[in-house]
Amino acid sequence: MKKLFYFLLCLILLSCASEKKLMTSWLGNSKKNLVLKWGPPKRIASDGGNGEIYIYETNSMFYNTVRYNHRMFYVDKSGKIYSWRTATGPVPARQINLYIK
């Protein structure tokens, strides 16, 4: 049982590391390339300044409850990605709090 627990823990940690690597690889890239690769986002919102937030959303079931997985890319006024954030929760993209904390 302990071996299974450690195996699952390692699998989760590796998946988190690969998610971070994937998201970080987009820093400095253009929103045009992002849309070409990922398709249109679920929502585009203001970043509170002169930029935008491109929000991609997938959902999954977790104990008979829908969970929304968000990948958010913060884009400056020149169209370059300057930051990113991921979030998982019970709210869809149109209701999520978008600002970096």
Protein backbone atom coordinates (compact mmCIF):
# COMPACT_ATOMS: atom_id res chain seq x y z
CA MET A 1 0.00 0.00 0.00
CA LYS A 2 2.88 2.37 0.82
CA LYS A 3 4.46 1.72 -2.57
CA LEU A 4 1.21 2.63 -4.32
CA PHE A 5 0.94 5.83 -2.28
CA TYR A 6 4.50 6.89 -3.13
CA PHE A 7 4.00 6.02 -6.78
CA LEU A 8 0.86 8.17 -6.96
CA LEU A 9 2.58 11.01 -5.11
CA CYS A 10 5.49 10.94 -7.58
CA LEU A 11 3.07 10.88 -10.50
CA ILE A 12 1.26 13.96 -9.16
CA LEU A 13 4.52 15.83 -8.59
CA LEU A 14 5.78 15.02 -12.08
CA SER A 15 2.53 16.17 -13.64
CA CYS A 16 2.72 19.48 -11.72
CA ALA A 17 6.30 20.00 -12.86
CA SER A 18 5.40 19.37 -16.50
CA GLU A 19 2.41 21.77 -16.25
CA LYS A 20 4.69 24.49 -14.88
CA LYS A 21 7.24 23.84 -17.64
CA LEU A 22 4.53 24.00 -20.32
CA MET A 23 3.08 27.26 -19.02
CA THR A 24 6.49 28.89 -18.49
CA SER A 25 7.50 28.01 -22.05
CA TRP A 26 4.92 30.53 -23.29
CA LEU A 27 6.46 33.52 -21.51
CA GLY A 28 7.63 36.09 -24.07
CA ASN A 29 5.67 34.41 -26.86
CA SER A 30 2.88 36.17 -28.74
CA LYS A 31 -0.86 35.83 -28.23
CA LYS A 32 -1.10 35.10 -31.96
CA ASN A 33 1.08 32.00 -31.56
CA LEU A 34 -0.91 30.96 -28.48
CA VAL A 35 -4.21 31.12 -30.36
CA LEU A 36 -2.70 29.32 -33.36
CA LYS A 37 -1.51 26.48 -31.11
CA TRP A 38 -4.35 26.26 -28.53
CA GLY A 39 -7.28 27.68 -30.48
CA PRO A 40 -9.54 30.48 -29.31
CA PRO A 41 -9.72 30.97 -25.53
CA LYS A 42 -12.92 30.47 -23.57
CA ARG A 43 -12.73 34.08 -22.37
CA ILE A 44 -10.63 37.19 -22.94
CA ALA A 45 -10.66 39.77 -20.16
CA SER A 46 -8.80 42.91 -19.16
CA ASP A 47 -5.76 42.49 -16.91
CA GLY A 48 -6.68 45.70 -15.10
CA GLY A 49 -4.14 47.71 -17.09
CA ASN A 50 -3.50 47.89 -20.82
CA GLY A 51 -3.29 44.14 -21.37
CA GLU A 52 -5.54 41.12 -21.62
CA ILE A 53 -6.00 37.74 -20.00
CA TYR A 54 -6.55 34.75 -22.29
CA ILE A 55 -8.40 32.04 -20.38
CA TYR A 56 -8.51 28.43 -21.51
CA GLU A 57 -10.84 26.05 -19.72
CA THR A 58 -11.37 22.33 -19.44
CA ASN A 59 -13.59 20.55 -17.00
CA SER A 60 -13.65 17.23 -15.26
CA MET A 61 -15.80 15.33 -12.81
CA PHE A 62 -14.55 14.94 -9.25
CA TYR A 63 -16.83 13.01 -6.90
CA ASN A 64 -19.88 13.82 -9.07
CA THR A 65 -19.01 17.52 -9.07
CA VAL A 66 -17.81 19.46 -12.09
CA ARG A 67 -14.34 20.96 -11.60
CA TYR A 68 -13.12 23.66 -13.97
CA ASN A 69 -9.43 23.77 -14.84
CA HIS A 70 -8.24 27.18 -16.01
CA ARG A 71 -5.02 28.17 -17.72
CA MET A 72 -4.66 31.93 -17.84
CA PHE A 73 -2.13 33.83 -19.92
CA TYR A 74 -1.52 37.51 -19.17
CA VAL A 75 -0.73 39.45 -22.35
CA ASP A 76 0.75 42.97 -22.44
CA LYS A 77 -0.35 45.74 -24.81
CA SER A 78 2.26 44.68 -27.39
CA GLY A 79 0.74 41.17 -27.55
CA LYS A 80 3.47 39.34 -25.58
CA ILE A 81 2.71 36.89 -22.78
CA TYR A 82 4.23 38.22 -19.55
CA SER A 83 2.71 35.94 -16.89
CA TRP A 84 0.50 32.92 -16.38
CA ARG A 85 -1.63 31.29 -13.74
CA THR A 86 -3.60 28.09 -13.33
CA ALA A 87 -6.62 27.53 -11.15
CA THR A 88 -9.03 24.70 -10.46
CA GLY A 89 -12.39 25.14 -8.85
CA PRO A 90 -16.15 24.96 -9.07
CA VAL A 91 -16.66 28.11 -11.18
CA PRO A 92 -16.50 28.47 -14.98
CA ALA A 93 -14.24 30.95 -16.79
CA ARG A 94 -16.89 33.67 -16.93
CA GLN A 95 -16.96 33.82 -13.09
CA ILE A 96 -13.32 33.25 -12.07
CA ASN A 97 -11.29 35.94 -10.27
CA LEU A 98 -8.67 36.88 -12.82
CA TYR A 99 -6.16 39.14 -11.14
CA ILE A 100 -2.71 37.95 -10.04
CA LYS A 101 -2.40 37.77 -6.27
